[in-house]
Amino acid sequence: MADGKVSEQIEMGVLTRNAVARRGWTPGALIALGLSALWIVGCGVFFLVADNGLSGASASNMLVTLLAVFLPVAIIWLAATAASSAQSMREETVRLQATIDAMRQSYLTQSQVQPDRAPEVEAKLRELEEAQRQTEQAMATFTTTRTLPRAEPLPEPKPRLPQGPFEAQAALAFDPQPVDTAPPLSLDDFIRALHFPENAEDEAGFAALRRALKDRKTARLVQASQDVLTLLAQDGIYMDDLRPDRARPEIWRRFAAGARGREVAALGGIRDRSSLALTAGRMKADPIFRDAAHHFLRRFDEIFSDFADSASDEDIARMGDTRTARAFMLLGRVTGTFN
């Protein structure tokens, strides 16, 4: 029964966007239409009853007259458009507030349904807080600019001592693993694997994904990306619905070289306010999602540096349009990577 109430509240908060959609003419548009019609009719009556009329008017006087007639109409519709935009912002604010209230009510309802598990929940929360602190310390290495290690001279080799009869050991011949014997992954397969198959009939996409999973570093990124995309889909956030602003390849190359902050701010091209608000809320409230997001960002940063060294500008542009890259833009924007 509690689950039914929670689902009903969430539906009222997020999923029913059509409930707040405006249908037909808005009151502001109707008022603007009425005022425009009243003004034009008044001007027509004035010129009809005027003694001089427009028969002897020069071209300049005619222009001034037209401006006097139509400029107020333009101002009226400009005010109506501004009022409509303000109303849209208020409705979206109310919808987001309803979402937050529904999530808060869901938590309170679950706490009331299972009060006997409070000690276990508190212990679990303490463990998650400790894990969060450790994760934030690890993320400090991600948000800072990477510097190349200074080359140090190699130490002189020490003379080898004669080995005894039991000190020499031959190398053990283990069977090679499939990952070790896999051919190098092509850039096309890498990009296609990061986008994941389009549907169940996308044979080329599944073939590229299978080849990518044989590469150890790419497989770790694909796994982390799949985890993040699955968690985002639970909140109704799908990468195909996002339309980010595309960044130039040189911005991606600066990121691969270690630049962070305002210098690569163009990579945070996700502008969907609902997706950003929902993702930020879950980053704060869900430690599992937060750990998965940080793990994904580290994997992306690790492998993109190698990818950018051998990729062309066209390859980088194709990679930036994959589902994995869009997830990186969204999570990077929420975590402040581009601030």
Protein backbone atom coordinates (compact mmCIF):
# COMPACT_ATOMS: atom_id res chain seq x y z
CA MET A 1 0.00 0.00 0.00
CA ALA A 2 2.89 2.30 0.83
CA ASP A 3 4.45 1.56 -2.54
CA GLY A 4 1.20 2.56 -4.23
CA LYS A 5 1.19 5.91 -2.45
CA VAL A 6 4.83 6.56 -3.30
CA SER A 7 4.33 5.73 -6.97
CA GLU A 8 1.27 7.98 -7.10
CA GLN A 9 3.22 10.89 -5.56
CA ILE A 10 6.14 10.44 -7.92
CA GLU A 11 3.79 10.30 -10.88
CA MET A 12 2.24 13.57 -9.78
CA GLY A 13 5.72 15.13 -9.45
CA VAL A 14 7.68 14.04 -12.51
CA LEU A 15 6.11 11.70 -14.98
CA THR A 16 2.98 13.64 -15.86
CA ARG A 17 4.52 16.52 -17.72
CA ASN A 18 1.40 16.89 -19.83
CA ALA A 19 -0.52 17.82 -16.67
CA VAL A 20 1.23 21.20 -16.59
CA ALA A 21 1.34 21.71 -20.34
CA ARG A 22 -0.59 24.68 -21.60
CA ARG A 23 -3.31 23.95 -24.13
CA GLY A 24 -4.66 26.50 -26.62
CA TRP A 25 -4.43 30.23 -26.09
CA THR A 26 -2.99 31.41 -22.80
CA PRO A 27 -4.66 34.27 -20.89
CA GLY A 28 -1.71 36.53 -21.70
CA ALA A 29 -2.06 35.83 -25.41
CA LEU A 30 -5.80 36.51 -25.31
CA ILE A 31 -5.25 39.80 -23.51
CA ALA A 32 -2.57 40.81 -26.03
CA LEU A 33 -4.88 39.88 -28.90
CA GLY A 34 -7.71 41.95 -27.45
CA LEU A 35 -5.51 44.98 -26.81
CA SER A 36 -4.02 44.78 -30.31
CA ALA A 37 -7.45 44.59 -31.91
CA LEU A 38 -8.73 47.47 -29.75
CA TRP A 39 -5.73 49.63 -30.66
CA ILE A 40 -5.99 48.93 -34.40
CA VAL A 41 -9.75 49.61 -34.39
CA GLY A 42 -9.20 52.85 -32.46
CA CYS A 43 -6.54 53.98 -34.92
CA GLY A 44 -8.85 53.16 -37.84
CA VAL A 45 -11.69 55.17 -36.34
CA PHE A 46 -9.35 58.08 -35.67
CA PHE A 47 -8.11 58.25 -39.25
CA LEU A 48 -11.61 57.87 -40.65
CA VAL A 49 -13.09 60.74 -38.66
CA ALA A 50 -10.03 62.98 -38.94
CA ASP A 51 -10.52 66.00 -41.16
CA ASN A 52 -7.18 65.96 -42.91
CA GLY A 53 -6.85 62.18 -43.26
CA LEU A 54 -3.86 60.72 -45.01
CA SER A 55 -4.60 61.97 -48.51
CA GLY A 56 -2.06 64.77 -48.37
CA ALA A 57 0.50 63.06 -46.20
CA SER A 58 4.08 62.82 -47.37
CA ALA A 59 6.16 59.64 -47.31
CA SER A 60 7.85 60.61 -44.02
CA ASN A 61 4.51 61.37 -42.38
CA MET A 62 3.17 58.06 -43.65
CA LEU A 63 6.12 56.21 -42.06
CA VAL A 64 5.62 57.95 -38.73
CA THR A 65 1.93 57.10 -38.87
CA LEU A 66 2.61 53.42 -39.51
CA LEU A 67 5.08 53.32 -36.64
CA ALA A 68 2.53 54.97 -34.36
CA VAL A 69 -0.01 52.31 -35.30
CA PHE A 70 2.06 49.12 -35.21
CA LEU A 71 4.78 49.86 -32.64
CA PRO A 72 2.38 49.65 -29.67
CA VAL A 73 1.10 46.33 -31.06
CA ALA A 74 4.65 44.98 -31.12
CA ILE A 75 5.23 46.14 -27.53
CA ILE A 76 2.00 44.45 -26.41
CA TRP A 77 3.04 41.09 -27.91
CA LEU A 78 6.56 41.44 -26.48
CA ALA A 79 5.05 41.84 -23.03
CA ALA A 80 2.77 38.84 -23.64
CA THR A 81 5.75 36.68 -24.67
CA ALA A 82 7.68 37.71 -21.55
CA ALA A 83 4.67 36.86 -19.36
CA SER A 84 4.33 33.47 -21.05
CA SER A 85 8.02 32.68 -20.43
CA ALA A 86 7.70 33.69 -16.79
CA GLN A 87 4.66 31.44 -16.42
CA SER A 88 6.59 28.53 -17.96
CA MET A 89 9.43 29.05 -15.48
CA ARG A 90 6.99 29.09 -12.57
CA GLU A 91 5.36 25.86 -13.75
CA GLU A 92 8.72 24.11 -14.07
CA THR A 93 9.69 25.32 -10.59
CA VAL A 94 6.45 23.91 -9.18
CA ARG A 95 7.07 20.58 -10.95
CA LEU A 96 10.61 20.28 -9.59
CA GLN A 97 9.38 21.16 -6.11
CA ALA A 98 6.73 18.46 -6.41
CA THR A 99 9.44 15.97 -7.39
CA ILE A 100 11.52 16.83 -4.32
CA ASP A 101 8.45 16.60 -2.07
CA ALA A 102 7.57 13.21 -3.54
CA MET A 103 11.08 11.86 -2.93
CA ARG A 104 11.03 13.19 0.64
CA GLN A 105 7.60 11.67 1.28
CA SER A 106 8.81 8.37 -0.15
CA TYR A 107 11.69 8.29 2.32
CA LEU A 108 9.41 9.16 5.26
CA THR A 109 6.88 6.51 4.24
CA GLN A 110 9.53 3.80 4.05
CA SER A 111 10.88 4.85 7.45
CA GLN A 112 7.38 4.54 8.98
CA VAL A 113 6.70 1.18 7.35
CA GLN A 114 9.95 -0.39 8.67
CA PRO A 115 10.72 1.31 12.03
CA ASP A 116 12.28 -1.84 13.49
CA ARG A 117 15.18 -1.63 11.02
CA ALA A 118 16.30 1.85 12.18
CA PRO A 119 19.51 0.62 13.93
CA GLU A 120 20.53 -1.31 10.81
CA VAL A 121 19.85 1.72 8.63
CA GLU A 122 21.90 3.99 10.89
CA ALA A 123 24.83 1.56 10.83
CA LYS A 124 24.60 1.34 7.06
CA LEU A 125 24.52 5.13 6.77
CA ARG A 126 27.67 5.41 8.86
CA GLU A 127 29.41 2.94 6.56
CA LEU A 128 28.26 4.85 3.48
CA GLU A 129 29.47 8.17 4.92
CA GLU A 130 32.90 6.68 5.51
CA ALA A 131 32.95 5.31 1.96
CA GLN A 132 31.90 8.74 0.66
CA ARG A 133 34.81 10.44 2.43
CA GLN A 134 37.24 7.96 0.95
CA THR A 135 35.71 8.47 -2.51
CA GLU A 136 35.96 12.26 -2.27
CA GLN A 137 39.63 11.98 -1.34
CA ALA A 138 40.20 9.77 -4.36
CA MET A 139 38.33 12.21 -6.61
CA ALA A 140 40.81 14.94 -5.71
CA THR A 141 43.18 13.34 -8.18
CA PHE A 142 40.53 13.56 -10.92
CA THR A 143 39.65 17.24 -10.49
CA THR A 144 43.24 18.46 -10.52
CA THR A 145 45.42 18.90 -13.57
CA ARG A 146 47.58 15.93 -14.35
CA THR A 147 51.32 16.60 -14.59
CA LEU A 148 53.81 14.38 -16.31
CA PRO A 149 56.27 12.70 -13.96
CA ARG A 150 59.82 14.00 -14.10
CA ALA A 151 62.20 11.64 -15.77
CA GLU A 152 64.83 10.36 -13.37
CA PRO A 153 68.12 8.74 -14.38
CA LEU A 154 68.09 4.98 -14.17
CA PRO A 155 70.33 3.49 -11.50
CA GLU A 156 73.42 1.69 -12.67
CA PRO A 157 72.89 -2.06 -12.90
CA LYS A 158 74.39 -4.03 -10.06
CA PRO A 159 76.71 -6.92 -10.89
CA ARG A 160 74.89 -10.21 -10.71
CA LEU A 161 76.15 -12.69 -8.18
CA PRO A 162 76.67 -16.29 -9.21
CA GLN A 163 73.55 -18.31 -8.64
CA GLY A 164 73.42 -21.48 -6.66
CA PRO A 165 72.00 -24.70 -7.98
CA PHE A 166 68.54 -23.93 -6.54
CA GLU A 167 68.43 -20.20 -7.23
CA ALA A 168 67.90 -20.39 -10.97
CA GLN A 169 64.25 -20.77 -11.96
CA ALA A 170 62.84 -21.07 -15.44
CA ALA A 171 59.91 -18.94 -16.51
CA LEU A 172 56.56 -20.61 -15.99
CA ALA A 173 54.53 -21.07 -19.14
CA PHE A 174 50.92 -20.18 -18.35
CA ASP A 175 48.19 -20.45 -20.92
CA PRO A 176 47.49 -17.01 -22.44
CA GLN A 177 44.13 -15.50 -21.59
CA PRO A 178 41.71 -14.45 -24.36
CA VAL A 179 42.23 -10.80 -23.47
CA ASP A 180 45.99 -11.14 -23.86
CA THR A 181 45.73 -12.66 -27.35
CA ALA A 182 42.98 -10.32 -28.63
CA PRO A 183 43.95 -8.08 -31.57
CA PRO A 184 44.22 -4.32 -30.93
CA LEU A 185 40.85 -2.56 -30.81
CA SER A 186 40.19 -0.23 -33.73
CA LEU A 187 39.00 3.33 -33.18
CA ASP A 188 35.75 2.61 -35.02
CA ASP A 189 34.95 -0.35 -32.75
CA PHE A 190 35.89 1.72 -29.69
CA ILE A 191 33.50 4.54 -30.64
CA ARG A 192 30.69 2.17 -31.61
CA ALA A 193 31.06 0.23 -28.35
CA LEU A 194 30.81 3.44 -26.28
CA HIS A 195 27.52 4.22 -28.02
CA PHE A 196 26.15 0.72 -27.32
CA PRO A 197 23.86 -1.12 -29.80
CA GLU A 198 20.87 0.83 -31.07
CA ASN A 199 18.44 -2.10 -30.72
CA ALA A 200 18.29 -5.90 -30.66
CA GLU A 201 18.82 -6.06 -34.45
CA ASP A 202 22.03 -3.96 -34.40
CA GLU A 203 24.42 -6.81 -35.24
CA ALA A 204 27.32 -4.47 -36.04
CA GLY A 205 26.89 -2.75 -32.68
CA PHE A 206 26.91 -6.04 -30.76
CA ALA A 207 29.96 -7.26 -32.70
CA ALA A 208 31.87 -4.07 -31.85
CA LEU A 209 30.80 -4.37 -28.21
CA ARG A 210 32.08 -7.96 -28.02
CA ARG A 211 35.43 -6.92 -29.48
CA ALA A 212 35.65 -3.99 -27.06
CA LEU A 213 35.03 -6.24 -24.06
CA LYS A 214 38.12 -8.25 -25.00
CA ASP A 215 40.24 -5.14 -24.39
CA ARG A 216 40.85 -4.82 -20.65
CA LYS A 217 40.84 -1.01 -20.32
CA THR A 218 37.93 -0.51 -22.69
CA ALA A 219 35.94 -3.23 -20.95
CA ARG A 220 36.28 -1.42 -17.61
CA LEU A 221 34.97 1.82 -19.14
CA VAL A 222 32.10 0.06 -20.92
CA GLN A 223 31.11 -1.66 -17.67
CA ALA A 224 31.21 1.61 -15.70
CA SER A 225 29.23 3.39 -18.42
CA GLN A 226 26.57 0.67 -18.47
CA ASP A 227 26.17 0.92 -14.68
CA VAL A 228 25.72 4.70 -14.82
CA LEU A 229 23.29 4.60 -17.75
CA THR A 230 21.18 1.99 -15.95
CA LEU A 231 21.01 4.08 -12.77
CA LEU A 232 20.12 7.23 -14.72
CA ALA A 233 17.36 5.38 -16.57
CA GLN A 234 15.74 4.62 -13.20
CA ASP A 235 15.04 8.37 -12.91
CA GLY A 236 13.78 8.57 -16.49
CA ILE A 237 17.00 10.16 -17.80
CA TYR A 238 17.95 8.72 -21.20
CA MET A 239 20.95 9.87 -23.21
CA ASP A 240 18.99 9.77 -26.47
CA ASP A 241 16.69 12.51 -25.10
CA LEU A 242 19.58 14.89 -24.40
CA ARG A 243 20.76 17.30 -27.08
CA PRO A 244 24.07 18.71 -25.80
CA ASP A 245 25.99 21.57 -27.35
CA ARG A 246 28.86 20.03 -29.31
CA ALA A 247 32.34 21.04 -28.22
CA ARG A 248 35.15 21.52 -30.70
CA PRO A 249 37.78 18.75 -30.91
CA GLU A 250 40.49 21.05 -29.58
CA ILE A 251 38.50 21.43 -26.33
CA TRP A 252 38.43 17.64 -25.95
CA ARG A 253 42.19 17.55 -26.59
CA ARG A 254 42.77 20.12 -23.85
CA PHE A 255 40.80 17.91 -21.48
CA ALA A 256 42.91 14.92 -22.51
CA ALA A 257 46.05 16.99 -21.80
CA GLY A 258 44.86 17.61 -18.24
CA ALA A 259 43.00 20.93 -18.44
CA ARG A 260 40.05 21.39 -16.08
CA GLY A 261 37.67 24.16 -15.06
CA ARG A 262 36.69 27.09 -17.25
CA GLU A 263 39.19 26.14 -19.94
CA VAL A 264 37.09 23.08 -20.86
CA ALA A 265 33.69 24.45 -19.80
CA ALA A 266 32.36 23.88 -23.32
CA LEU A 267 32.35 20.14 -22.63
CA GLY A 268 29.48 20.61 -20.17
CA GLY A 269 27.02 21.11 -23.01
CA ILE A 270 24.02 19.53 -21.26
CA ARG A 271 21.37 22.25 -20.81
CA ASP A 272 18.36 20.14 -19.77
CA ARG A 273 17.51 21.61 -16.36
CA SER A 274 15.29 18.71 -15.28
CA SER A 275 18.01 16.12 -15.95
CA LEU A 276 20.62 18.24 -14.18
CA ALA A 277 18.37 18.76 -11.14
CA LEU A 278 17.43 15.08 -10.85
CA THR A 279 21.04 13.94 -11.26
CA ALA A 280 22.33 16.44 -8.69
CA GLY A 281 19.63 15.36 -6.23
CA ARG A 282 20.52 11.71 -6.61
CA MET A 283 24.24 12.42 -6.28
CA LYS A 284 23.51 13.89 -2.85
CA ALA A 285 20.97 11.31 -1.69
CA ASP A 286 22.21 8.01 -3.18
CA PRO A 287 25.75 6.93 -2.18
CA ILE A 288 25.67 3.97 -4.58
CA PHE A 289 24.94 6.27 -7.51
CA ARG A 290 27.60 8.72 -6.33
CA ASP A 291 30.28 6.02 -6.16
CA ALA A 292 29.29 4.66 -9.59
CA ALA A 293 29.44 8.17 -11.10
CA HIS A 294 32.89 8.92 -9.66
CA HIS A 295 34.17 5.52 -10.79
CA PHE A 296 32.85 6.18 -14.31
CA LEU A 297 34.46 9.64 -14.46
CA ARG A 298 37.83 8.20 -13.46
CA ARG A 299 37.62 5.45 -16.08
CA PHE A 300 36.62 7.93 -18.79
CA ASP A 301 39.45 10.29 -17.89
CA GLU A 302 41.92 7.39 -17.86
CA ILE A 303 41.08 5.99 -21.29
CA PHE A 304 40.26 9.22 -23.14
CA SER A 305 43.83 10.46 -22.76
CA ASP A 306 45.10 7.46 -24.72
CA PHE A 307 42.27 7.74 -27.26
CA ALA A 308 42.97 11.41 -28.04
CA ASP A 309 46.64 10.70 -28.85
CA SER A 310 45.77 8.54 -31.87
CA ALA A 311 42.32 9.89 -32.84
CA SER A 312 41.61 12.46 -35.53
CA ASP A 313 39.30 15.43 -35.06
CA GLU A 314 36.55 13.50 -36.84
CA ASP A 315 37.00 10.53 -34.48
CA ILE A 316 36.80 12.83 -31.45
CA ALA A 317 33.63 14.47 -32.81
CA ARG A 318 32.03 11.02 -33.32
CA MET A 319 33.04 9.93 -29.85
CA GLY A 320 31.56 13.11 -28.35
CA ASP A 321 28.15 12.12 -29.73
CA THR A 322 28.04 8.68 -28.07
CA ARG A 323 25.83 7.81 -25.12
CA THR A 324 28.90 7.36 -22.93
CA ALA A 325 30.19 10.85 -23.78
CA ARG A 326 26.78 12.39 -23.02
CA ALA A 327 26.76 10.66 -19.63
CA PHE A 328 30.24 12.12 -19.01
CA MET A 329 29.00 15.63 -19.92
CA LEU A 330 26.01 15.29 -17.58
CA LEU A 331 27.95 13.91 -14.61
CA GLY A 332 30.90 16.23 -15.19
CA ARG A 333 28.54 19.20 -15.13
CA VAL A 334 26.91 18.00 -11.89
CA THR A 335 30.19 17.23 -10.10
CA GLY A 336 31.75 20.58 -11.03
CA THR A 337 34.47 19.25 -13.33
CA PHE A 338 33.91 22.15 -15.75
CA ASN A 339 33.55 24.94 -13.14
